[in-house]
PDB file of all heavy atoms in Angstrom:
ATOM      1  N   GLY A   1      26.198-154.784  20.824  1.00  0.00           N
ATOM      2  CA  GLY A   1      27.128-153.930  21.637  1.00  0.00           C
ATOM      3  C   GLY A   1      27.318-154.370  22.967  1.00  0.00           C
ATOM      4  O   GLY A   1      27.603-153.442  23.847  1.00  0.00           O
ATOM      5  N   GLY A   2      27.139-155.610  23.309  1.00  0.00           N
ATOM      6  CA  GLY A   2      27.339-156.158  24.654  1.00  0.00           C
ATOM      7  C   GLY A   2      26.073-156.028  25.481  1.00  0.00           C
ATOM      8  O   GLY A   2      26.128-156.523  26.624  1.00  0.00           O
ATOM      9  N   SER A   3      25.039-155.297  25.055  1.00  0.00           N
ATOM     10  CA  SER A   3      23.871-155.135  25.889  1.00  0.00           C
ATOM     11  C   SER A   3      23.145-156.558  26.098  1.00  0.00           C
ATOM     12  O   SER A   3      22.338-156.514  27.011  1.00  0.00           O
ATOM     13  CB  SER A   3      22.977-154.170  25.322  1.00  0.00           C
ATOM     14  OG  SER A   3      22.220-154.636  24.178  1.00  0.00           O
ATOM     15  N   ARG A   4      23.244-157.398  25.098  1.00  0.00           N
ATOM     16  CA  ARG A   4      22.409-158.699  25.208  1.00  0.00           C
ATOM     17  C   ARG A   4      20.930-158.355  25.234  1.00  0.00           C
ATOM     18  O   ARG A   4      20.181-159.098  25.831  1.00  0.00           O
ATOM     19  CB  ARG A   4      22.835-159.541  26.399  1.00  0.00           C
ATOM     20  CG  ARG A   4      24.233-160.031  26.320  1.00  0.00           C
ATOM     21  CD  ARG A   4      24.528-160.896  27.405  1.00  0.00           C
ATOM     22  NE  ARG A   4      25.934-161.377  27.253  1.00  0.00           N
ATOM     23  CZ  ARG A   4      26.355-162.547  27.652  1.00  0.00           C
ATOM     24  NH1 ARG A   4      25.664-163.350  28.273  1.00  0.00           N
ATOM     25  NH2 ARG A   4      27.673-162.823  27.432  1.00  0.00           N
ATOM     26  N   ARG A   5      20.523-157.349  24.477  1.00  0.00           N
ATOM     27  CA  ARG A   5      19.206-156.949  24.411  1.00  0.00           C
ATOM     28  C   ARG A   5      18.731-156.664  22.936  1.00  0.00           C
ATOM     29  O   ARG A   5      19.610-156.277  22.101  1.00  0.00           O
ATOM     30  CB  ARG A   5      18.882-155.685  25.211  1.00  0.00           C
ATOM     31  CG  ARG A   5      19.207-155.909  26.696  1.00  0.00           C
ATOM     32  CD  ARG A   5      18.823-154.704  27.585  1.00  0.00           C
ATOM     33  NE  ARG A   5      17.346-154.329  27.447  1.00  0.00           N
ATOM     34  CZ  ARG A   5      16.376-155.106  27.936  1.00  0.00           C
ATOM     35  NH1 ARG A   5      16.623-156.210  28.640  1.00  0.00           N
ATOM     36  NH2 ARG A   5      15.107-154.683  27.801  1.00  0.00           N
ATOM     37  N   GLY A   6      17.529-156.807  22.781  1.00  0.00           N
ATOM     38  CA  GLY A   6      16.948-156.456  21.401  1.00  0.00           C
ATOM     39  C   GLY A   6      17.252-157.384  20.310  1.00  0.00           C
ATOM     40  O   GLY A   6      17.528-156.999  19.154  1.00  0.00           O
ATOM     41  N   ILE A   7      17.167-158.681  20.521  1.00  0.00           N
ATOM     42  CA  ILE A   7      17.481-159.605  19.447  1.00  0.00           C
ATOM     43  C   ILE A   7      16.131-160.272  18.987  1.00  0.00           C
ATOM     44  O   ILE A   7      15.208-160.230  19.687  1.00  0.00           O
ATOM     45  CB  ILE A   7      18.424-160.780  19.854  1.00  0.00           C
ATOM     46  CG1 ILE A   7      17.866-161.598  20.991  1.00  0.00           C
ATOM     47  CG2 ILE A   7      19.826-160.137  20.260  1.00  0.00           C
ATOM     48  CD1 ILE A   7      18.807-162.885  21.271  1.00  0.00           C
ATOM     49  N   VAL A   8      16.154-160.775  17.729  1.00  0.00           N
ATOM     50  CA  VAL A   8      15.095-161.415  17.191  1.00  0.00           C
ATOM     51  C   VAL A   8      15.455-162.873  16.856  1.00  0.00           C
ATOM     52  O   VAL A   8      16.503-163.160  16.266  1.00  0.00           O
ATOM     53  CB  VAL A   8      14.607-160.717  15.852  1.00  0.00           C
ATOM     54  CG1 VAL A   8      13.454-161.392  15.168  1.00  0.00           C
ATOM     55  CG2 VAL A   8      14.274-159.290  16.096  1.00  0.00           C
ATOM     56  N   VAL A   9      14.565-163.747  17.241  1.00  0.00           N
ATOM     57  CA  VAL A   9      14.731-165.174  16.858  1.00  0.00           C
ATOM     58  C   VAL A   9      13.605-165.770  16.201  1.00  0.00           C
ATOM     59  O   VAL A   9      12.447-165.178  16.179  1.00  0.00           O
ATOM     60  CB  VAL A   9      15.013-165.953  18.138  1.00  0.00           C
ATOM     61  CG1 VAL A   9      16.250-165.549  18.947  1.00  0.00           C
ATOM     62  CG2 VAL A   9      13.780-166.003  19.172  1.00  0.00           C
ATOM     63  N   SER A  10      13.829-166.920  15.418  1.00  0.00           N
ATOM     64  CA  SER A  10      12.711-167.479  14.729  1.00  0.00           C
ATOM     65  C   SER A  10      12.225-168.767  15.279  1.00  0.00           C
ATOM     66  O   SER A  10      11.155-169.318  14.802  1.00  0.00           O
ATOM     67  CB  SER A  10      13.051-167.615  13.209  1.00  0.00           C
ATOM     68  OG  SER A  10      14.244-168.491  13.006  1.00  0.00           O
ATOM     69  N   THR A  11      12.834-169.321  16.321  1.00  0.00           N
ATOM     70  CA  THR A  11      12.443-170.537  16.899  1.00  0.00           C
ATOM     71  C   THR A  11      12.553-170.294  18.448  1.00  0.00           C
ATOM     72  O   THR A  11      13.319-169.527  18.969  1.00  0.00           O
ATOM     73  CB  THR A  11      13.310-171.717  16.570  1.00  0.00           C
ATOM     74  OG1 THR A  11      14.588-171.599  17.035  1.00  0.00           O
ATOM     75  CG2 THR A  11      13.363-171.860  14.972  1.00  0.00           C
ATOM     76  N   LEU A  12      11.664-171.129  19.175  1.00  0.00           N
ATOM     77  CA  LEU A  12      11.799-171.116  20.614  1.00  0.00           C
ATOM     78  C   LEU A  12      13.073-171.739  21.130  1.00  0.00           C
ATOM     79  O   LEU A  12      13.541-171.338  22.245  1.00  0.00           O
ATOM     80  CB  LEU A  12      10.553-171.769  21.235  1.00  0.00           C
ATOM     81  CG  LEU A  12       9.169-171.042  21.097  1.00  0.00           C
ATOM     82  CD1 LEU A  12       8.045-171.897  21.525  1.00  0.00           C
ATOM     83  CD2 LEU A  12       9.343-169.743  21.849  1.00  0.00           C
ATOM     84  N   ALA A  13      13.643-172.655  20.345  1.00  0.00           N
ATOM     85  CA  ALA A  13      14.976-173.153  20.818  1.00  0.00           C
ATOM     86  C   ALA A  13      15.992-172.093  20.757  1.00  0.00           C
ATOM     87  O   ALA A  13      16.807-172.008  21.754  1.00  0.00           O
ATOM     88  CB  ALA A  13      15.348-174.418  19.805  1.00  0.00           C
ATOM     89  N   GLU A  14      15.979-171.226  19.738  1.00  0.00           N
ATOM     90  CA  GLU A  14      16.895-170.147  19.732  1.00  0.00           C
ATOM     91  C   GLU A  14      16.654-169.212  20.967  1.00  0.00           C
ATOM     92  O   GLU A  14      17.531-168.751  21.534  1.00  0.00           O
ATOM     93  CB  GLU A  14      16.769-169.309  18.454  1.00  0.00           C
ATOM     94  CG  GLU A  14      17.207-170.078  17.226  1.00  0.00           C
ATOM     95  CD  GLU A  14      16.868-169.315  15.970  1.00  0.00           C
ATOM     96  OE1 GLU A  14      15.683-168.744  15.813  1.00  0.00           O
ATOM     97  OE2 GLU A  14      17.702-169.127  15.162  1.00  0.00           O
ATOM     98  N   ALA A  15      15.392-168.989  21.211  1.00  0.00           N
ATOM     99  CA  ALA A  15      15.024-168.024  22.313  1.00  0.00           C
ATOM    100  C   ALA A  15      15.590-168.665  23.626  1.00  0.00           C
ATOM    101  O   ALA A  15      16.206-167.917  24.437  1.00  0.00           O
ATOM    102  CB  ALA A  15      13.579-167.869  22.395  1.00  0.00           C
ATOM    103  N   ARG A  16      15.429-169.916  23.883  1.00  0.00           N
ATOM    104  CA  ARG A  16      15.954-170.566  25.019  1.00  0.00           C
ATOM    105  C   ARG A  16      17.421-170.500  25.111  1.00  0.00           C
ATOM    106  O   ARG A  16      18.008-170.278  26.204  1.00  0.00           O
ATOM    107  CB  ARG A  16      15.465-172.014  25.167  1.00  0.00           C
ATOM    108  CG  ARG A  16      14.027-172.109  25.577  1.00  0.00           C
ATOM    109  CD  ARG A  16      13.512-173.497  25.911  1.00  0.00           C
ATOM    110  NE  ARG A  16      13.582-174.363  24.701  1.00  0.00           N
ATOM    111  CZ  ARG A  16      12.494-174.483  23.926  1.00  0.00           C
ATOM    112  NH1 ARG A  16      11.325-173.951  24.086  1.00  0.00           N
ATOM    113  NH2 ARG A  16      12.534-175.263  22.824  1.00  0.00           N
ATOM    114  N   PHE A  17      18.121-170.803  23.962  1.00  0.00           N
ATOM    115  CA  PHE A  17      19.594-170.750  23.928  1.00  0.00           C
ATOM    116  C   PHE A  17      20.158-169.335  24.319  1.00  0.00           C
ATOM    117  O   PHE A  17      21.053-169.235  25.137  1.00  0.00           O
ATOM    118  CB  PHE A  17      19.988-171.008  22.497  1.00  0.00           C
ATOM    119  CG  PHE A  17      21.484-170.871  22.268  1.00  0.00           C
ATOM    120  CD1 PHE A  17      22.415-171.881  22.587  1.00  0.00           C
ATOM    121  CD2 PHE A  17      21.949-169.715  21.611  1.00  0.00           C
ATOM    122  CE1 PHE A  17      23.740-171.636  22.421  1.00  0.00           C
ATOM    123  CE2 PHE A  17      23.322-169.489  21.477  1.00  0.00           C
ATOM    124  CZ  PHE A  17      24.262-170.519  21.829  1.00  0.00           C
ATOM    125  N   PHE A  18      19.505-168.342  23.720  1.00  0.00           N
ATOM    126  CA  PHE A  18      19.897-166.948  24.059  1.00  0.00           C
ATOM    127  C   PHE A  18      19.613-166.629  25.522  1.00  0.00           C
ATOM    128  O   PHE A  18      20.391-165.879  26.151  1.00  0.00           O
ATOM    129  CB  PHE A  18      19.442-165.965  23.077  1.00  0.00           C
ATOM    130  CG  PHE A  18      20.181-165.958  21.748  1.00  0.00           C
ATOM    131  CD1 PHE A  18      19.567-166.443  20.527  1.00  0.00           C
ATOM    132  CD2 PHE A  18      21.516-165.517  21.554  1.00  0.00           C
ATOM    133  CE1 PHE A  18      20.247-166.524  19.401  1.00  0.00           C
ATOM    134  CE2 PHE A  18      22.226-165.572  20.456  1.00  0.00           C
ATOM    135  CZ  PHE A  18      21.529-166.191  19.345  1.00  0.00           C
ATOM    136  N   ALA A  19      18.426-166.974  25.995  1.00  0.00           N
ATOM    137  CA  ALA A  19      18.053-166.652  27.390  1.00  0.00           C
ATOM    138  C   ALA A  19      19.011-167.361  28.297  1.00  0.00           C
ATOM    139  O   ALA A  19      19.442-166.742  29.260  1.00  0.00           O
ATOM    140  CB  ALA A  19      16.629-167.080  27.609  1.00  0.00           C
ATOM    141  N   ALA A  20      19.396-168.509  28.066  1.00  0.00           N
ATOM    142  CA  ALA A  20      20.432-169.255  28.808  1.00  0.00           C
ATOM    143  C   ALA A  20      21.787-168.496  28.810  1.00  0.00           C
ATOM    144  O   ALA A  20      22.494-168.594  29.817  1.00  0.00           O
ATOM    145  CB  ALA A  20      20.522-170.675  28.397  1.00  0.00           C
ATOM    146  N   GLY A  21      22.037-167.809  27.733  1.00  0.00           N
ATOM    147  CA  GLY A  21      23.270-167.019  27.626  1.00  0.00           C
ATOM    148  C   GLY A  21      23.233-165.658  28.150  1.00  0.00           C
ATOM    149  O   GLY A  21      24.097-164.825  27.886  1.00  0.00           O
ATOM    150  N   GLY A  22      22.154-165.241  28.767  1.00  0.00           N
ATOM    151  CA  GLY A  22      22.086-163.965  29.499  1.00  0.00           C
ATOM    152  C   GLY A  22      21.399-162.825  28.747  1.00  0.00           C
ATOM    153  O   GLY A  22      21.260-161.785  29.092  1.00  0.00           O
ATOM    154  N   PHE A  23      20.713-163.280  27.540  1.00  0.00           N
ATOM    155  CA  PHE A  23      20.020-162.307  26.781  1.00  0.00           C
ATOM    156  C   PHE A  23      18.621-162.175  27.381  1.00  0.00           C
ATOM    157  O   PHE A  23      17.971-163.135  27.822  1.00  0.00           O
ATOM    158  CB  PHE A  23      19.858-162.734  25.256  1.00  0.00           C
ATOM    159  CG  PHE A  23      21.128-162.566  24.550  1.00  0.00           C
ATOM    160  CD1 PHE A  23      22.176-163.423  24.710  1.00  0.00           C
ATOM    161  CD2 PHE A  23      21.316-161.458  23.656  1.00  0.00           C
ATOM    162  CE1 PHE A  23      23.335-163.313  24.007  1.00  0.00           C
ATOM    163  CE2 PHE A  23      22.459-161.210  22.937  1.00  0.00           C
ATOM    164  CZ  PHE A  23      23.577-162.229  23.179  1.00  0.00           C
ATOM    165  N   ASP A  24      18.235-160.923  27.540  1.00  0.00           N
ATOM    166  CA  ASP A  24      17.033-160.589  28.415  1.00  0.00           C
ATOM    167  C   ASP A  24      15.873-159.847  27.670  1.00  0.00           C
ATOM    168  O   ASP A  24      14.911-159.533  28.253  1.00  0.00           O
ATOM    169  CB  ASP A  24      17.396-159.835  29.572  1.00  0.00           C
ATOM    170  CG  ASP A  24      16.451-160.023  30.826  1.00  0.00           C
ATOM    171  OD1 ASP A  24      15.838-161.021  30.847  1.00  0.00           O
ATOM    172  OD2 ASP A  24      16.399-159.027  31.614  1.00  0.00           O
ATOM    173  N   ASP A  25      16.051-159.704  26.351  1.00  0.00           N
ATOM    174  CA  ASP A  25      15.150-158.920  25.466  1.00  0.00           C
ATOM    175  C   ASP A  25      15.056-159.535  24.221  1.00  0.00           C
ATOM    176  O   ASP A  25      15.855-159.319  23.270  1.00  0.00           O
ATOM    177  CB  ASP A  25      15.484-157.438  25.420  1.00  0.00           C
ATOM    178  CG  ASP A  25      14.588-156.620  24.582  1.00  0.00           C
ATOM    179  OD1 ASP A  25      13.576-157.135  24.098  1.00  0.00           O
ATOM    180  OD2 ASP A  25      14.826-155.336  24.461  1.00  0.00           O
ATOM    181  N   ILE A  26      14.033-160.489  23.980  1.00  0.00           N
ATOM    182  CA  ILE A  26      14.012-161.336  22.790  1.00  0.00           C
ATOM    183  C   ILE A  26      12.642-161.232  22.218  1.00  0.00           C
ATOM    184  O   ILE A  26      11.628-161.395  22.863  1.00  0.00           O
ATOM    185  CB  ILE A  26      14.271-162.770  23.201  1.00  0.00           C
ATOM    186  CG1 ILE A  26      15.724-162.950  23.871  1.00  0.00           C
ATOM    187  CG2 ILE A  26      14.213-163.728  21.990  1.00  0.00           C
ATOM    188  CD1 ILE A  26      15.969-164.263  24.431  1.00  0.00           C
ATOM    189  N   LEU A  27      12.650-160.987  20.885  1.00  0.00           N
ATOM    190  CA  LEU A  27      11.411-161.040  20.066  1.00  0.00           C
ATOM    191  C   LEU A  27      11.324-162.405  19.396  1.00  0.00           C
ATOM    192  O   LEU A  27      12.164-162.743  18.580  1.00  0.00           O
ATOM    193  CB  LEU A  27      11.325-159.924  19.086  1.00  0.00           C
ATOM    194  CG  LEU A  27      10.250-160.073  18.017  1.00  0.00           C
ATOM    195  CD1 LEU A  27       8.747-160.111  18.635  1.00  0.00           C
ATOM    196  CD2 LEU A  27      10.234-158.812  16.954  1.00  0.00           C
ATOM    197  N   TYR A  28      10.300-163.202  19.667  1.00  0.00           N
ATOM    198  CA  TYR A  28      10.054-164.451  18.846  1.00  0.00           C
ATOM    199  C   TYR A  28       9.269-164.075  17.615  1.00  0.00           C
ATOM    200  O   TYR A  28       8.057-163.802  17.657  1.00  0.00           O
ATOM    201  CB  TYR A  28       9.282-165.350  19.781  1.00  0.00           C
ATOM    202  CG  TYR A  28       8.922-166.707  19.155  1.00  0.00           C
ATOM    203  CD1 TYR A  28       9.740-167.411  18.247  1.00  0.00           C
ATOM    204  CD2 TYR A  28       7.732-167.305  19.500  1.00  0.00           C
ATOM    205  CE1 TYR A  28       9.403-168.558  17.772  1.00  0.00           C
ATOM    206  CE2 TYR A  28       7.331-168.526  18.979  1.00  0.00           C
ATOM    207  CZ  TYR A  28       8.190-169.146  18.072  1.00  0.00           C
ATOM    208  OH  TYR A  28       7.825-170.288  17.480  1.00  0.00           O
ATOM    209  N   ALA A  29       9.901-163.961  16.577  1.00  0.00           N
ATOM    210  CA  ALA A  29       9.398-163.502  15.342  1.00  0.00           C
ATOM    211  C   ALA A  29       8.650-164.512  14.508  1.00  0.00           C
ATOM    212  O   ALA A  29       9.027-164.785  13.252  1.00  0.00           O
ATOM    213  CB  ALA A  29      10.437-162.731  14.484  1.00  0.00           C
ATOM    214  N   TYR A  30       7.794-165.132  15.068  1.00  0.00           N
ATOM    215  CA  TYR A  30       6.834-166.163  14.377  1.00  0.00           C
ATOM    216  C   TYR A  30       5.455-165.945  14.995  1.00  0.00           C
ATOM    217  O   TYR A  30       5.403-165.932  16.299  1.00  0.00           O
ATOM    218  CB  TYR A  30       7.394-167.513  14.622  1.00  0.00           C
ATOM    219  CG  TYR A  30       6.656-168.566  13.851  1.00  0.00           C
ATOM    220  CD1 TYR A  30       6.947-168.819  12.483  1.00  0.00           C
ATOM    221  CD2 TYR A  30       5.611-169.341  14.354  1.00  0.00           C
ATOM    222  CE1 TYR A  30       6.371-169.770  11.769  1.00  0.00           C
ATOM    223  CE2 TYR A  30       4.991-170.243  13.661  1.00  0.00           C
ATOM    224  CZ  TYR A  30       5.242-170.472  12.343  1.00  0.00           C
ATOM    225  OH  TYR A  30       4.585-171.373  11.497  1.00  0.00           O
ATOM    226  N   PRO A  31       4.385-165.898  14.172  1.00  0.00           N
ATOM    227  CA  PRO A  31       3.089-165.711  14.777  1.00  0.00           C
ATOM    228  C   PRO A  31       2.725-166.786  15.944  1.00  0.00           C
ATOM    229  O   PRO A  31       3.108-167.909  15.802  1.00  0.00           O
ATOM    230  CB  PRO A  31       2.136-165.905  13.588  1.00  0.00           C
ATOM    231  CG  PRO A  31       2.954-165.419  12.372  1.00  0.00           C
ATOM    232  CD  PRO A  31       4.348-165.918  12.720  1.00  0.00           C
ATOM    233  N   LEU A  32       2.229-166.193  16.982  1.00  0.00           N
ATOM    234  CA  LEU A  32       1.991-167.000  18.230  1.00  0.00           C
ATOM    235  C   LEU A  32       1.478-168.431  17.837  1.00  0.00           C
ATOM    236  O   LEU A  32       0.363-168.548  17.415  1.00  0.00           O
ATOM    237  CB  LEU A  32       1.010-166.262  19.156  1.00  0.00           C
ATOM    238  CG  LEU A  32       0.815-166.979  20.479  1.00  0.00           C
ATOM    239  CD1 LEU A  32       2.180-166.898  21.357  1.00  0.00           C
ATOM    240  CD2 LEU A  32      -0.247-166.301  21.137  1.00  0.00           C
ATOM    241  N   PRO A  33       2.377-169.418  18.220  1.00  0.00           N
ATOM    242  CA  PRO A  33       1.807-170.797  18.111  1.00  0.00           C
ATOM    243  C   PRO A  33       1.069-171.171  19.429  1.00  0.00           C
ATOM    244  O   PRO A  33       1.631-171.407  20.419  1.00  0.00           O
ATOM    245  CB  PRO A  33       3.062-171.580  17.864  1.00  0.00           C
ATOM    246  CG  PRO A  33       4.092-170.879  18.608  1.00  0.00           C
ATOM    247  CD  PRO A  33       3.764-169.407  18.573  1.00  0.00           C
ATOM    248  N   GLY A  34      -0.324-171.420  19.213  1.00  0.00           N
ATOM    249  CA  GLY A  34      -1.014-171.843  20.356  1.00  0.00           C
ATOM    250  C   GLY A  34      -0.580-173.021  21.089  1.00  0.00           C
ATOM    251  O   GLY A  34      -0.511-173.170  22.375  1.00  0.00           O
ATOM    252  N   ALA A  35      -0.006-174.022  20.377  1.00  0.00           N
ATOM    253  CA  ALA A  35       0.553-175.257  20.913  1.00  0.00           C
ATOM    254  C   ALA A  35       1.738-175.029  21.785  1.00  0.00           C
ATOM    255  O   ALA A  35       2.067-175.839  22.547  1.00  0.00           O
ATOM    256  CB  ALA A  35       0.767-176.232  19.795  1.00  0.00           C
ATOM    257  N   ARG A  36       2.399-173.899  21.538  1.00  0.00           N
ATOM    258  CA  ARG A  36       3.639-173.612  22.276  1.00  0.00           C
ATOM    259  C   ARG A  36       3.474-172.510  23.325  1.00  0.00           C
ATOM    260  O   ARG A  36       4.431-171.954  23.716  1.00  0.00           O
ATOM    261  CB  ARG A  36       4.782-173.248  21.281  1.00  0.00           C
ATOM    262  CG  ARG A  36       5.047-174.322  20.206  1.00  0.00           C
ATOM    263  CD  ARG A  36       5.513-175.672  20.711  1.00  0.00           C
ATOM    264  NE  ARG A  36       6.699-175.681  21.540  1.00  0.00           N
ATOM    265  CZ  ARG A  36       7.909-175.719  21.045  1.00  0.00           C
ATOM    266  NH1 ARG A  36       8.156-175.868  19.771  1.00  0.00           N
ATOM    267  NH2 ARG A  36       8.877-175.737  21.898  1.00  0.00           N
ATOM    268  N   LEU A  37       2.255-172.164  23.659  1.00  0.00           N
ATOM    269  CA  LEU A  37       1.968-171.115  24.535  1.00  0.00           C
ATOM    270  C   LEU A  37       2.676-171.240  25.964  1.00  0.00           C
ATOM    271  O   LEU A  37       3.210-170.363  26.434  1.00  0.00           O
ATOM    272  CB  LEU A  37       0.472-170.960  24.762  1.00  0.00           C
ATOM    273  CG  LEU A  37       0.035-169.757  25.634  1.00  0.00           C
ATOM    274  CD1 LEU A  37       0.392-168.532  24.878  1.00  0.00           C
ATOM    275  CD2 LEU A  37      -1.470-169.715  25.903  1.00  0.00           C
ATOM    276  N   GLU A  38       2.664-172.497  26.479  1.00  0.00           N
ATOM    277  CA  GLU A  38       3.399-172.655  27.734  1.00  0.00           C
ATOM    278  C   GLU A  38       4.834-172.369  27.658  1.00  0.00           C
ATOM    279  O   GLU A  38       5.437-171.826  28.571  1.00  0.00           O
ATOM    280  CB  GLU A  38       3.091-173.991  28.344  1.00  0.00           C
ATOM    281  CG  GLU A  38       1.654-174.389  28.656  1.00  0.00           C
ATOM    282  CD  GLU A  38       1.013-173.377  29.595  1.00  0.00           C
ATOM    283  OE1 GLU A  38       1.766-172.993  30.591  1.00  0.00           O
ATOM    284  OE2 GLU A  38      -0.015-172.899  29.316  1.00  0.00           O
ATOM    285  N   ASP A  39       5.465-172.687  26.470  1.00  0.00           N
ATOM    286  CA  ASP A  39       6.903-172.378  26.362  1.00  0.00           C
ATOM    287  C   ASP A  39       7.078-170.846  26.292  1.00  0.00           C
ATOM    288  O   ASP A  39       8.066-170.335  26.910  1.00  0.00           O
ATOM    289  CB  ASP A  39       7.429-172.982  25.103  1.00  0.00           C
ATOM    290  CG  ASP A  39       7.525-174.563  25.161  1.00  0.00           C
ATOM    291  OD1 ASP A  39       7.708-175.137  26.223  1.00  0.00           O
ATOM    292  OD2 ASP A  39       7.298-175.204  24.205  1.00  0.00           O
ATOM    293  N   CYS A  40       6.181-170.255  25.600  1.00  0.00           N
ATOM    294  CA  CYS A  40       6.248-168.822  25.476  1.00  0.00           C
ATOM    295  C   CYS A  40       6.075-168.081  26.821  1.00  0.00           C
ATOM    296  O   CYS A  40       6.712-167.241  27.188  1.00  0.00           O
ATOM    297  CB  CYS A  40       5.244-168.212  24.516  1.00  0.00           C
ATOM    298  SG  CYS A  40       5.609-168.659  22.779  1.00  0.00           S
ATOM    299  N   ALA A  41       5.127-168.663  27.589  1.00  0.00           N
ATOM    300  CA  ALA A  41       4.811-168.086  29.000  1.00  0.00           C
ATOM    301  C   ALA A  41       6.061-168.265  29.877  1.00  0.00           C
ATOM    302  O   ALA A  41       6.332-167.391  30.619  1.00  0.00           O
ATOM    303  CB  ALA A  41       3.611-168.671  29.568  1.00  0.00           C
TER     304      ALA A  41
END
């Protein structure tokens, strides 16, 4: 609805894509990958 909030992604690449597009509330719907912790942080 134009809010750019409350989306769910399955990859960090998708999260970065939407973040770059102004989305500010993103759930990364994959169990926390320890190897990608810095990207998540």
